């Protein structure tokens, strides 16, 4: 089954609960929460207080994407805030610390995941695949919403599909960046089953129809 995870980065920050309710009514089962520290990426967004606030108003899956430097420092806070999935960038720390971060996430009963940026070879994440419940392939450069979809990331998704079938077949494959009605089919064809959609979803006149189309 395909899953649509609307990105709350595209929501109205003054009316976050309203947008969450609208998306719930439209059939959203997951919410994607982007956390940026202004260091790992050149932008700021959300923190564990936001995750905690969201946890109080929704029982949907919170898919929290840490775009932060040395994420091991903040795993406890985000896990306790209510994340269901917590993903960290392979580029954000040393291999030893990334491995320790995934282990610590799991220790808190949260599902760990790894993220790879467009310029990073997909093979870089291979040592961590057995620890992960989700792998996120960025189809834009992380840090800003509204960017164009990078179709040349699809070989990474296909490689993941083939590799995970051998080592961790229950792991989700997620794509994030420029996903809409036109780009979603190629993502699914290559093996992605979780689709993060920000602007395209939040701006859709019929959000239920948008989510249904991507889930199909």
N, C-alpha and C. Protein backbone atom coordinates (compact mmCIF):
# COMPACT_ATOMS: atom_id res chain seq x y z
N UNK A 1 0.84 -1.21 0.00
CA UNK A 1 0.00 0.00 0.00
C UNK A 1 0.87 1.25 0.00
N UNK A 2 0.51 2.22 -0.84
CA UNK A 2 1.24 3.48 -0.88
C UNK A 2 0.69 4.43 0.18
N UNK A 3 1.59 5.24 0.72
CA UNK A 3 1.24 6.16 1.81
C UNK A 3 1.62 7.57 1.39
N UNK A 4 0.73 8.53 1.60
CA UNK A 4 1.04 9.93 1.37
C UNK A 4 1.29 10.59 2.72
N UNK A 5 2.43 11.28 2.82
CA UNK A 5 2.78 11.99 4.05
C UNK A 5 2.84 13.48 3.74
N UNK A 6 1.73 14.20 3.93
CA UNK A 6 1.76 15.64 3.68
C UNK A 6 2.83 16.32 4.55
N UNK A 7 3.59 17.20 3.92
CA UNK A 7 4.64 17.90 4.65
C UNK A 7 4.08 19.14 5.30
N UNK A 8 4.18 19.20 6.63
CA UNK A 8 3.62 20.33 7.36
C UNK A 8 4.47 21.59 7.23
N UNK A 9 5.60 21.48 6.55
CA UNK A 9 6.39 22.66 6.24
C UNK A 9 5.59 23.59 5.32
N UNK A 10 4.68 23.00 4.56
CA UNK A 10 3.86 23.78 3.63
C UNK A 10 2.56 24.27 4.26
N UNK A 11 2.32 23.91 5.52
CA UNK A 11 1.11 24.36 6.20
C UNK A 11 1.23 25.82 6.62
N UNK A 12 0.11 26.41 6.96
CA UNK A 12 0.09 27.79 7.46
C UNK A 12 0.52 27.75 8.94
N UNK A 13 1.67 28.33 9.28
CA UNK A 13 2.15 28.23 10.66
C UNK A 13 1.21 28.88 11.68
N UNK A 14 0.36 29.79 11.23
CA UNK A 14 -0.59 30.43 12.14
C UNK A 14 -1.87 29.59 12.30
N UNK A 15 -2.01 28.58 11.43
CA UNK A 15 -3.23 27.76 11.46
C UNK A 15 -2.87 26.29 11.28
N UNK A 16 -1.86 25.85 12.01
CA UNK A 16 -1.36 24.49 11.84
C UNK A 16 -2.44 23.45 12.19
N UNK A 17 -3.14 23.65 13.28
CA UNK A 17 -4.16 22.67 13.66
C UNK A 17 -5.27 22.61 12.62
N UNK A 18 -5.66 23.74 12.09
CA UNK A 18 -6.68 23.75 11.03
C UNK A 18 -6.24 22.91 9.84
N UNK A 19 -4.99 23.09 9.42
CA UNK A 19 -4.48 22.36 8.26
C UNK A 19 -4.35 20.87 8.56
N UNK A 20 -3.94 20.54 9.78
CA UNK A 20 -3.88 19.12 10.17
C UNK A 20 -5.26 18.49 10.10
N UNK A 21 -6.26 19.20 10.61
CA UNK A 21 -7.64 18.67 10.57
C UNK A 21 -8.13 18.50 9.14
N UNK A 22 -7.83 19.47 8.28
CA UNK A 22 -8.23 19.36 6.88
C UNK A 22 -7.60 18.15 6.21
N UNK A 23 -6.33 17.93 6.49
CA UNK A 23 -5.61 16.81 5.90
C UNK A 23 -6.08 15.47 6.45
N UNK A 24 -6.39 15.45 7.74
CA UNK A 24 -6.98 14.24 8.32
C UNK A 24 -8.30 13.90 7.64
N UNK A 25 -9.13 14.91 7.44
CA UNK A 25 -10.42 14.71 6.79
C UNK A 25 -10.26 14.24 5.35
N UNK A 26 -9.15 14.64 4.74
CA UNK A 26 -8.87 14.25 3.35
C UNK A 26 -8.27 12.85 3.25
N UNK A 27 -7.97 12.24 4.41
CA UNK A 27 -7.49 10.87 4.40
C UNK A 27 -6.01 10.69 4.71
N UNK A 28 -5.34 11.75 5.12
CA UNK A 28 -3.90 11.63 5.44
C UNK A 28 -3.70 10.70 6.63
N UNK A 29 -2.81 9.74 6.47
CA UNK A 29 -2.51 8.78 7.53
C UNK A 29 -1.18 9.09 8.21
N UNK A 30 -0.30 9.79 7.51
CA UNK A 30 1.00 10.22 8.05
C UNK A 30 1.10 11.73 7.90
N UNK A 31 1.95 12.33 8.74
CA UNK A 31 2.38 13.71 8.55
C UNK A 31 3.91 13.75 8.59
N UNK A 32 4.48 14.48 7.64
CA UNK A 32 5.93 14.62 7.55
C UNK A 32 6.32 15.94 8.22
N UNK A 33 7.24 15.86 9.17
CA UNK A 33 7.63 17.03 9.96
C UNK A 33 9.12 17.28 9.75
N UNK A 34 9.44 18.37 9.06
CA UNK A 34 10.83 18.72 8.75
C UNK A 34 11.42 19.57 9.87
N UNK A 35 12.55 19.12 10.39
CA UNK A 35 13.27 19.84 11.44
C UNK A 35 14.61 20.31 10.88
N UNK A 36 14.82 21.62 10.88
CA UNK A 36 16.05 22.20 10.31
C UNK A 36 16.73 23.08 11.35
N UNK A 37 18.06 23.00 11.38
CA UNK A 37 18.81 23.70 12.43
C UNK A 37 19.59 24.92 11.96
N UNK A 38 19.50 25.27 10.67
CA UNK A 38 20.25 26.42 10.17
C UNK A 38 21.73 26.15 10.02
N UNK A 39 22.15 24.93 10.31
CA UNK A 39 23.56 24.55 10.23
C UNK A 39 23.76 23.44 9.20
N UNK A 40 23.06 22.33 9.40
CA UNK A 40 23.14 21.24 8.43
C UNK A 40 22.51 21.68 7.10
N UNK A 41 21.44 22.46 7.20
CA UNK A 41 20.82 23.08 6.03
C UNK A 41 20.67 24.57 6.31
N UNK A 42 20.65 25.40 5.26
CA UNK A 42 20.62 26.86 5.47
C UNK A 42 19.21 27.39 5.72
N UNK A 43 18.54 26.81 6.67
CA UNK A 43 17.19 27.26 7.00
C UNK A 43 16.83 26.74 8.38
N UNK A 44 15.81 27.34 8.99
CA UNK A 44 15.31 26.89 10.29
C UNK A 44 13.85 26.46 10.14
N UNK A 45 13.47 25.42 10.85
CA UNK A 45 12.04 25.07 10.94
C UNK A 45 11.83 24.11 12.09
N UNK A 46 10.74 24.26 12.78
CA UNK A 46 10.23 23.32 13.76
C UNK A 46 11.30 22.82 14.75
N UNK A 47 10.84 22.33 15.87
CA UNK A 47 11.68 21.72 16.88
C UNK A 47 10.87 20.67 17.59
N UNK A 48 11.42 20.13 18.68
CA UNK A 48 10.68 19.07 19.36
C UNK A 48 9.42 19.60 20.04
N UNK A 49 9.36 20.91 20.31
CA UNK A 49 8.13 21.47 20.87
C UNK A 49 7.00 21.40 19.84
N UNK A 50 7.33 21.55 18.57
CA UNK A 50 6.32 21.42 17.51
C UNK A 50 5.82 19.99 17.41
N UNK A 51 6.74 19.04 17.49
CA UNK A 51 6.36 17.62 17.44
C UNK A 51 5.45 17.30 18.63
N UNK A 52 5.79 17.80 19.79
CA UNK A 52 4.98 17.58 20.99
C UNK A 52 3.59 18.17 20.83
N UNK A 53 3.51 19.36 20.26
CA UNK A 53 2.21 20.01 20.05
C UNK A 53 1.37 19.22 19.05
N UNK A 54 2.01 18.74 17.99
CA UNK A 54 1.29 17.95 16.99
C UNK A 54 0.79 16.63 17.59
N UNK A 55 1.62 16.03 18.44
CA UNK A 55 1.23 14.77 19.05
C UNK A 55 -0.05 14.92 19.88
N UNK A 56 -0.26 16.10 20.44
CA UNK A 56 -1.43 16.34 21.27
C UNK A 56 -2.72 16.49 20.46
N UNK A 57 -2.58 16.80 19.16
CA UNK A 57 -3.78 17.06 18.37
C UNK A 57 -4.07 16.00 17.31
N UNK A 58 -3.16 15.05 17.12
CA UNK A 58 -3.40 14.03 16.10
C UNK A 58 -2.87 12.68 16.55
N UNK A 59 -3.57 11.62 16.13
CA UNK A 59 -3.08 10.27 16.37
C UNK A 59 -2.48 9.66 15.12
N UNK A 60 -2.32 10.48 14.07
CA UNK A 60 -1.71 9.99 12.84
C UNK A 60 -0.21 9.78 13.05
N UNK A 61 0.40 9.05 12.13
CA UNK A 61 1.84 8.79 12.20
C UNK A 61 2.61 10.10 11.98
N UNK A 62 3.52 10.40 12.90
CA UNK A 62 4.42 11.56 12.75
C UNK A 62 5.78 11.07 12.27
N UNK A 63 6.08 11.43 11.04
CA UNK A 63 7.31 11.05 10.35
C UNK A 63 8.25 12.26 10.44
N UNK A 64 9.15 12.21 11.40
CA UNK A 64 9.98 13.38 11.73
C UNK A 64 11.35 13.25 11.07
N UNK A 65 11.66 14.21 10.24
CA UNK A 65 12.88 14.22 9.41
C UNK A 65 13.85 15.25 9.98
N UNK A 66 14.92 14.75 10.60
CA UNK A 66 15.91 15.64 11.22
C UNK A 66 16.97 16.07 10.21
N UNK A 67 16.89 17.31 9.79
CA UNK A 67 17.92 17.91 8.95
C UNK A 67 18.81 18.74 9.87
N UNK A 68 19.51 18.03 10.76
CA UNK A 68 20.29 18.71 11.78
C UNK A 68 21.66 18.05 11.91
N UNK A 69 22.62 18.84 12.35
CA UNK A 69 23.98 18.36 12.55
C UNK A 69 24.08 17.55 13.84
N UNK A 70 24.78 16.44 13.80
CA UNK A 70 25.01 15.56 14.96
C UNK A 70 23.70 15.26 15.71
N UNK A 71 22.79 14.58 15.04
CA UNK A 71 21.45 14.37 15.59
C UNK A 71 21.39 13.55 16.87
N UNK A 72 22.46 12.82 17.16
CA UNK A 72 22.47 12.01 18.38
C UNK A 72 22.17 12.86 19.62
N UNK A 73 22.54 14.13 19.58
CA UNK A 73 22.35 15.03 20.71
C UNK A 73 20.89 15.27 21.06
N UNK A 74 20.00 15.08 20.07
CA UNK A 74 18.60 15.47 20.27
C UNK A 74 17.60 14.33 20.09
N UNK A 75 18.11 13.13 19.91
CA UNK A 75 17.22 11.98 19.71
C UNK A 75 16.23 11.81 20.86
N UNK A 76 16.72 11.90 22.08
CA UNK A 76 15.84 11.68 23.24
C UNK A 76 14.66 12.64 23.22
N UNK A 77 14.92 13.92 22.96
CA UNK A 77 13.86 14.91 22.99
C UNK A 77 12.79 14.63 21.92
N UNK A 78 13.24 14.28 20.71
CA UNK A 78 12.27 14.05 19.63
C UNK A 78 11.50 12.76 19.84
N UNK A 79 12.15 11.76 20.37
CA UNK A 79 11.44 10.51 20.66
C UNK A 79 10.38 10.73 21.73
N UNK A 80 10.76 11.43 22.79
CA UNK A 80 9.81 11.68 23.88
C UNK A 80 8.70 12.65 23.48
N UNK A 81 8.98 13.48 22.46
CA UNK A 81 7.97 14.43 21.99
C UNK A 81 6.84 13.74 21.25
N UNK A 82 7.09 12.52 20.73
CA UNK A 82 6.01 11.80 20.10
C UNK A 82 6.23 11.37 18.67
N UNK A 83 7.47 11.41 18.19
CA UNK A 83 7.74 10.93 16.83
C UNK A 83 7.44 9.44 16.73
N UNK A 84 6.86 9.03 15.62
CA UNK A 84 6.67 7.60 15.33
C UNK A 84 7.85 7.06 14.53
N UNK A 85 8.26 7.83 13.53
CA UNK A 85 9.48 7.56 12.76
C UNK A 85 10.41 8.74 12.96
N UNK A 86 11.69 8.47 13.11
CA UNK A 86 12.68 9.53 13.26
C UNK A 86 13.83 9.23 12.31
N UNK A 87 14.00 10.09 11.31
CA UNK A 87 15.02 9.85 10.29
C UNK A 87 16.15 10.86 10.41
N UNK A 88 17.37 10.38 10.19
CA UNK A 88 18.56 11.22 10.29
C UNK A 88 19.37 11.10 9.00
N UNK A 89 20.09 12.15 8.69
CA UNK A 89 20.89 12.16 7.46
C UNK A 89 22.21 11.43 7.65
N UNK A 90 22.54 10.60 6.67
CA UNK A 90 23.81 9.88 6.71
C UNK A 90 24.98 10.85 6.70
N UNK A 91 24.77 12.04 6.13
CA UNK A 91 25.83 13.04 6.01
C UNK A 91 26.04 13.86 7.28
N UNK A 92 25.17 13.66 8.30
CA UNK A 92 25.13 14.57 9.44
C UNK A 92 26.13 14.27 10.54
N UNK A 93 26.84 13.11 10.45
CA UNK A 93 27.78 12.76 11.51
C UNK A 93 28.70 11.66 11.00
N UNK A 94 29.58 11.17 11.86
CA UNK A 94 30.47 10.08 11.51
C UNK A 94 29.68 8.77 11.39
N UNK A 95 30.20 7.80 10.66
CA UNK A 95 29.51 6.51 10.56
C UNK A 95 29.21 5.88 11.92
N UNK A 96 30.16 5.98 12.84
CA UNK A 96 29.96 5.40 14.17
C UNK A 96 28.79 6.09 14.89
N UNK A 97 28.74 7.40 14.80
CA UNK A 97 27.68 8.13 15.48
C UNK A 97 26.32 7.95 14.82
N UNK A 98 26.30 7.82 13.49
CA UNK A 98 25.03 7.55 12.81
C UNK A 98 24.49 6.20 13.25
N UNK A 99 25.35 5.22 13.33
CA UNK A 99 24.91 3.89 13.79
C UNK A 99 24.38 3.96 15.22
N UNK A 100 25.09 4.68 16.07
CA UNK A 100 24.65 4.84 17.47
C UNK A 100 23.33 5.60 17.55
N UNK A 101 23.13 6.56 16.66
CA UNK A 101 21.89 7.33 16.64
C UNK A 101 20.70 6.44 16.29
N UNK A 102 20.86 5.61 15.27
CA UNK A 102 19.78 4.69 14.89
C UNK A 102 19.46 3.72 16.03
N UNK A 103 20.49 3.25 16.70
CA UNK A 103 20.28 2.34 17.83
C UNK A 103 19.52 3.03 18.96
N UNK A 104 19.89 4.28 19.23
CA UNK A 104 19.25 5.01 20.33
C UNK A 104 17.79 5.28 20.02
N UNK A 105 17.49 5.61 18.78
CA UNK A 105 16.09 5.83 18.39
C UNK A 105 15.27 4.57 18.67
N UNK A 106 15.82 3.43 18.26
CA UNK A 106 15.12 2.16 18.48
C UNK A 106 14.94 1.86 19.96
N UNK A 107 15.92 2.24 20.76
CA UNK A 107 15.82 2.00 22.21
C UNK A 107 14.63 2.72 22.83
N UNK A 108 14.24 3.84 22.25
CA UNK A 108 13.09 4.59 22.75
C UNK A 108 11.76 4.09 22.17
N UNK A 109 11.82 3.03 21.38
CA UNK A 109 10.61 2.48 20.82
C UNK A 109 10.10 3.21 19.60
N UNK A 110 10.94 4.07 19.03
CA UNK A 110 10.61 4.81 17.82
C UNK A 110 11.27 4.12 16.63
N UNK A 111 10.67 4.23 15.47
CA UNK A 111 11.20 3.55 14.28
C UNK A 111 12.27 4.41 13.62
N UNK A 112 13.51 3.88 13.50
CA UNK A 112 14.60 4.68 12.95
C UNK A 112 14.65 4.65 11.43
N UNK A 113 15.18 5.73 10.88
CA UNK A 113 15.35 5.80 9.44
C UNK A 113 16.57 6.59 9.06
N UNK A 114 17.02 6.40 7.84
CA UNK A 114 18.21 7.09 7.31
C UNK A 114 17.81 7.87 6.06
N UNK A 115 18.45 9.01 5.87
CA UNK A 115 18.14 9.89 4.74
C UNK A 115 19.41 10.14 3.94
N UNK A 116 19.25 10.25 2.61
CA UNK A 116 20.40 10.52 1.75
C UNK A 116 20.09 11.70 0.83
N UNK A 117 21.02 12.66 0.78
CA UNK A 117 20.87 13.84 -0.07
C UNK A 117 21.18 13.49 -1.53
N UNK A 118 20.75 14.34 -2.47
CA UNK A 118 20.94 14.03 -3.89
C UNK A 118 22.39 13.76 -4.31
N UNK A 119 23.34 14.48 -3.75
CA UNK A 119 24.72 14.32 -4.20
C UNK A 119 25.47 13.20 -3.49
N UNK A 120 24.82 12.55 -2.55
CA UNK A 120 25.47 11.46 -1.80
C UNK A 120 25.20 10.12 -2.47
N UNK A 121 26.22 9.32 -2.73
CA UNK A 121 26.00 8.00 -3.32
C UNK A 121 25.10 7.15 -2.44
N UNK A 122 24.16 6.47 -3.04
CA UNK A 122 23.20 5.67 -2.28
C UNK A 122 23.88 4.56 -1.51
N UNK A 123 25.00 4.05 -2.01
CA UNK A 123 25.70 2.96 -1.34
C UNK A 123 26.21 3.36 0.05
N UNK A 124 26.29 4.67 0.30
CA UNK A 124 26.75 5.16 1.59
C UNK A 124 25.87 4.66 2.74
N UNK A 125 24.59 4.44 2.45
CA UNK A 125 23.68 4.05 3.53
C UNK A 125 23.58 2.53 3.70
N UNK A 126 24.23 1.78 2.85
CA UNK A 126 24.07 0.33 2.89
C UNK A 126 24.38 -0.28 4.26
N UNK A 127 25.41 0.19 4.98
CA UNK A 127 25.71 -0.42 6.28
C UNK A 127 24.60 -0.28 7.32
N UNK A 128 23.66 0.64 7.08
CA UNK A 128 22.64 0.93 8.09
C UNK A 128 21.27 0.32 7.77
N UNK A 129 21.14 -0.29 6.61
CA UNK A 129 19.81 -0.68 6.13
C UNK A 129 19.10 -1.67 7.05
N UNK A 130 19.83 -2.56 7.66
CA UNK A 130 19.18 -3.55 8.53
C UNK A 130 18.64 -2.93 9.81
N UNK A 131 19.12 -1.74 10.17
CA UNK A 131 18.65 -1.06 11.39
C UNK A 131 17.41 -0.21 11.14
N UNK A 132 17.05 -0.01 9.87
CA UNK A 132 16.07 1.01 9.52
C UNK A 132 14.67 0.45 9.28
N UNK A 133 13.69 1.25 9.66
CA UNK A 133 12.30 0.97 9.32
C UNK A 133 11.85 1.79 8.12
N UNK A 134 12.67 2.79 7.76
CA UNK A 134 12.35 3.69 6.66
C UNK A 134 13.65 4.25 6.10
N UNK A 135 13.72 4.35 4.76
CA UNK A 135 14.83 5.02 4.10
C UNK A 135 14.26 6.12 3.23
N UNK A 136 14.79 7.32 3.39
CA UNK A 136 14.29 8.49 2.65
C UNK A 136 15.32 8.94 1.62
N UNK A 137 14.89 8.97 0.37
CA UNK A 137 15.71 9.50 -0.73
C UNK A 137 15.22 10.90 -1.04
N UNK A 138 16.08 11.89 -0.86
CA UNK A 138 15.71 13.27 -1.18
C UNK A 138 15.72 13.47 -2.69
N UNK A 139 14.60 13.98 -3.20
CA UNK A 139 14.50 14.26 -4.63
C UNK A 139 14.56 15.76 -4.91
N UNK A 140 15.02 16.50 -3.89
CA UNK A 140 15.46 17.90 -4.00
C UNK A 140 16.59 18.07 -3.00
N UNK A 141 17.29 19.19 -3.07
CA UNK A 141 18.27 19.50 -2.04
C UNK A 141 17.52 19.89 -0.76
N UNK A 142 17.86 19.30 0.38
CA UNK A 142 17.10 19.60 1.60
C UNK A 142 17.32 21.03 2.07
N UNK A 143 16.27 21.56 2.70
CA UNK A 143 16.39 22.87 3.31
C UNK A 143 15.31 23.86 2.93
N UNK A 144 14.68 23.65 1.77
CA UNK A 144 13.65 24.58 1.32
C UNK A 144 12.52 23.82 0.63
N UNK A 145 11.30 24.31 0.79
CA UNK A 145 10.17 23.71 0.10
C UNK A 145 10.01 24.29 -1.29
N UNK A 146 9.15 23.65 -2.09
CA UNK A 146 8.79 24.19 -3.39
C UNK A 146 9.79 23.99 -4.51
N UNK A 147 10.78 23.12 -4.32
CA UNK A 147 11.78 22.89 -5.37
C UNK A 147 11.26 21.88 -6.40
N UNK A 148 11.95 21.84 -7.55
CA UNK A 148 11.55 20.94 -8.62
C UNK A 148 12.09 19.53 -8.37
N UNK A 149 11.29 18.57 -8.74
CA UNK A 149 11.60 17.15 -8.60
C UNK A 149 12.82 16.77 -9.44
N UNK A 150 13.74 15.99 -8.84
CA UNK A 150 14.95 15.53 -9.54
C UNK A 150 14.75 14.08 -9.96
N UNK A 151 14.36 13.89 -11.22
CA UNK A 151 14.07 12.54 -11.72
C UNK A 151 15.31 11.65 -11.73
N UNK A 152 16.50 12.26 -11.75
CA UNK A 152 17.72 11.45 -11.79
C UNK A 152 18.03 10.78 -10.45
N UNK A 153 17.16 10.96 -9.46
CA UNK A 153 17.29 10.23 -8.20
C UNK A 153 16.59 8.86 -8.24
N UNK A 154 15.84 8.61 -9.29
CA UNK A 154 15.08 7.36 -9.35
C UNK A 154 15.95 6.09 -9.37
N UNK A 155 17.15 6.11 -9.98
CA UNK A 155 18.00 4.92 -9.87
C UNK A 155 18.36 4.58 -8.42
N UNK A 156 18.45 5.59 -7.57
CA UNK A 156 18.69 5.33 -6.14
C UNK A 156 17.53 4.56 -5.53
N UNK A 157 16.32 4.98 -5.87
CA UNK A 157 15.12 4.32 -5.34
C UNK A 157 15.07 2.87 -5.83
N UNK A 158 15.37 2.68 -7.11
CA UNK A 158 15.36 1.32 -7.67
C UNK A 158 16.42 0.44 -7.00
N UNK A 159 17.59 1.01 -6.75
CA UNK A 159 18.65 0.26 -6.07
C UNK A 159 18.20 -0.14 -4.66
N UNK A 160 17.55 0.80 -3.99
CA UNK A 160 17.05 0.51 -2.64
C UNK A 160 16.03 -0.62 -2.65
N UNK A 161 15.11 -0.56 -3.60
CA UNK A 161 14.08 -1.59 -3.68
C UNK A 161 14.71 -2.97 -3.82
N UNK A 162 15.70 -3.06 -4.68
CA UNK A 162 16.37 -4.34 -4.93
C UNK A 162 17.18 -4.78 -3.71
N UNK A 163 17.89 -3.86 -3.09
CA UNK A 163 18.76 -4.19 -1.96
C UNK A 163 17.95 -4.54 -0.71
N UNK A 164 16.91 -3.73 -0.44
CA UNK A 164 16.10 -3.99 0.75
C UNK A 164 15.33 -5.31 0.64
N UNK A 165 15.00 -5.72 -0.56
CA UNK A 165 14.32 -7.01 -0.73
C UNK A 165 15.16 -8.15 -0.18
N UNK A 166 16.47 -7.97 -0.15
CA UNK A 166 17.39 -9.00 0.34
C UNK A 166 17.68 -8.87 1.83
N UNK A 167 17.80 -7.63 2.32
CA UNK A 167 18.29 -7.44 3.69
C UNK A 167 17.24 -6.95 4.68
N UNK A 168 16.17 -6.30 4.20
CA UNK A 168 15.17 -5.72 5.12
C UNK A 168 13.89 -5.43 4.34
N UNK A 169 13.18 -6.48 3.94
CA UNK A 169 12.05 -6.29 3.02
C UNK A 169 10.87 -5.51 3.57
N UNK A 170 10.77 -5.34 4.88
CA UNK A 170 9.64 -4.59 5.43
C UNK A 170 9.92 -3.09 5.55
N UNK A 171 11.12 -2.68 5.22
CA UNK A 171 11.51 -1.27 5.33
C UNK A 171 10.78 -0.43 4.28
N UNK A 172 10.23 0.70 4.71
CA UNK A 172 9.59 1.63 3.77
C UNK A 172 10.65 2.38 2.96
N UNK A 173 10.30 2.70 1.72
CA UNK A 173 11.11 3.57 0.88
C UNK A 173 10.32 4.85 0.64
N UNK A 174 10.90 5.97 1.05
CA UNK A 174 10.21 7.26 1.00
C UNK A 174 10.96 8.20 0.06
N UNK A 175 10.20 9.05 -0.62
CA UNK A 175 10.80 10.12 -1.43
C UNK A 175 10.23 11.45 -0.97
N UNK A 176 11.05 12.48 -1.05
CA UNK A 176 10.66 13.80 -0.55
C UNK A 176 11.26 14.86 -1.45
N UNK A 177 10.36 15.66 -2.06
CA UNK A 177 10.81 16.78 -2.86
C UNK A 177 10.18 16.82 -4.24
N UNK A 178 9.29 17.79 -4.45
CA UNK A 178 8.69 17.95 -5.77
C UNK A 178 7.72 16.86 -6.16
N UNK A 179 7.17 16.15 -5.18
CA UNK A 179 6.24 15.06 -5.49
C UNK A 179 4.84 15.63 -5.71
N UNK A 180 4.26 15.29 -6.87
CA UNK A 180 2.91 15.72 -7.19
C UNK A 180 2.25 14.68 -8.08
N UNK A 181 1.13 15.03 -8.67
CA UNK A 181 0.38 14.09 -9.50
C UNK A 181 1.23 13.58 -10.66
N UNK A 182 2.06 14.44 -11.22
CA UNK A 182 2.86 14.06 -12.39
C UNK A 182 4.09 13.23 -12.02
N UNK A 183 4.71 13.52 -10.88
CA UNK A 183 5.97 12.85 -10.54
C UNK A 183 5.77 11.61 -9.67
N UNK A 184 4.64 11.51 -9.00
CA UNK A 184 4.42 10.36 -8.11
C UNK A 184 4.48 9.01 -8.83
N UNK A 185 3.91 8.87 -10.04
CA UNK A 185 3.95 7.56 -10.69
C UNK A 185 5.36 7.00 -10.88
N UNK A 186 6.31 7.82 -11.27
CA UNK A 186 7.67 7.31 -11.50
C UNK A 186 8.32 6.91 -10.17
N UNK A 187 7.95 7.60 -9.10
CA UNK A 187 8.46 7.22 -7.77
C UNK A 187 7.97 5.83 -7.40
N UNK A 188 6.68 5.60 -7.59
CA UNK A 188 6.10 4.30 -7.25
C UNK A 188 6.62 3.20 -8.16
N UNK A 189 6.78 3.51 -9.43
CA UNK A 189 7.30 2.51 -10.38
C UNK A 189 8.69 2.02 -9.99
N UNK A 190 9.48 2.91 -9.39
CA UNK A 190 10.84 2.54 -9.01
C UNK A 190 10.94 1.92 -7.62
N UNK A 191 9.83 1.92 -6.88
CA UNK A 191 9.84 1.21 -5.60
C UNK A 191 9.47 2.01 -4.37
N UNK A 192 9.26 3.31 -4.50
CA UNK A 192 8.87 4.11 -3.33
C UNK A 192 7.43 3.79 -2.94
N UNK A 193 7.18 3.70 -1.64
CA UNK A 193 5.80 3.48 -1.18
C UNK A 193 5.33 4.54 -0.19
N UNK A 194 6.22 5.46 0.21
CA UNK A 194 5.83 6.60 1.04
C UNK A 194 6.21 7.87 0.27
N UNK A 195 5.22 8.70 0.01
CA UNK A 195 5.42 9.90 -0.82
C UNK A 195 5.16 11.14 0.02
N UNK A 196 6.20 11.94 0.22
CA UNK A 196 6.05 13.21 0.93
C UNK A 196 5.61 14.26 -0.08
N UNK A 197 4.52 14.92 0.22
CA UNK A 197 4.02 15.97 -0.67
C UNK A 197 3.72 17.21 0.15
N UNK A 198 4.36 18.30 -0.21
CA UNK A 198 4.19 19.54 0.53
C UNK A 198 3.24 20.49 -0.16
N UNK A 199 3.81 21.39 -0.95
CA UNK A 199 3.01 22.43 -1.61
C UNK A 199 1.90 21.84 -2.47
N UNK A 200 2.21 20.77 -3.21
CA UNK A 200 1.22 20.20 -4.12
C UNK A 200 0.00 19.70 -3.36
N UNK A 201 0.21 19.16 -2.18
CA UNK A 201 -0.90 18.64 -1.38
C UNK A 201 -1.65 19.77 -0.68
N UNK A 202 -0.93 20.65 -0.03
CA UNK A 202 -1.59 21.70 0.74
C UNK A 202 -2.34 22.70 -0.14
N UNK A 203 -1.86 22.86 -1.39
CA UNK A 203 -2.51 23.80 -2.29
C UNK A 203 -3.57 23.15 -3.17
N UNK A 204 -3.70 21.84 -3.09
CA UNK A 204 -4.69 21.14 -3.92
C UNK A 204 -6.10 21.57 -3.53
N UNK A 205 -6.93 21.88 -4.52
CA UNK A 205 -8.31 22.27 -4.23
C UNK A 205 -9.07 21.11 -3.60
N UNK A 206 -8.83 19.90 -4.12
CA UNK A 206 -9.45 18.70 -3.57
C UNK A 206 -8.35 17.83 -2.97
N UNK A 207 -8.09 18.04 -1.69
CA UNK A 207 -6.99 17.32 -1.04
C UNK A 207 -7.25 15.82 -0.95
N UNK A 208 -8.51 15.44 -0.77
CA UNK A 208 -8.85 14.02 -0.70
C UNK A 208 -8.56 13.33 -2.03
N UNK A 209 -8.91 13.99 -3.14
CA UNK A 209 -8.64 13.41 -4.46
C UNK A 209 -7.15 13.33 -4.71
N UNK A 210 -6.40 14.33 -4.27
CA UNK A 210 -4.95 14.33 -4.43
C UNK A 210 -4.33 13.15 -3.68
N UNK A 211 -4.71 12.98 -2.43
CA UNK A 211 -4.15 11.89 -1.62
C UNK A 211 -4.54 10.53 -2.20
N UNK A 212 -5.77 10.39 -2.62
CA UNK A 212 -6.23 9.12 -3.21
C UNK A 212 -5.46 8.79 -4.47
N UNK A 213 -5.21 9.80 -5.30
CA UNK A 213 -4.48 9.57 -6.55
C UNK A 213 -3.06 9.10 -6.29
N UNK A 214 -2.41 9.68 -5.29
CA UNK A 214 -1.04 9.28 -5.00
C UNK A 214 -0.98 7.92 -4.32
N UNK A 215 -2.01 7.57 -3.57
CA UNK A 215 -2.03 6.28 -2.89
C UNK A 215 -2.32 5.13 -3.85
N UNK A 216 -2.93 5.44 -4.97
CA UNK A 216 -3.36 4.39 -5.92
C UNK A 216 -2.17 3.64 -6.52
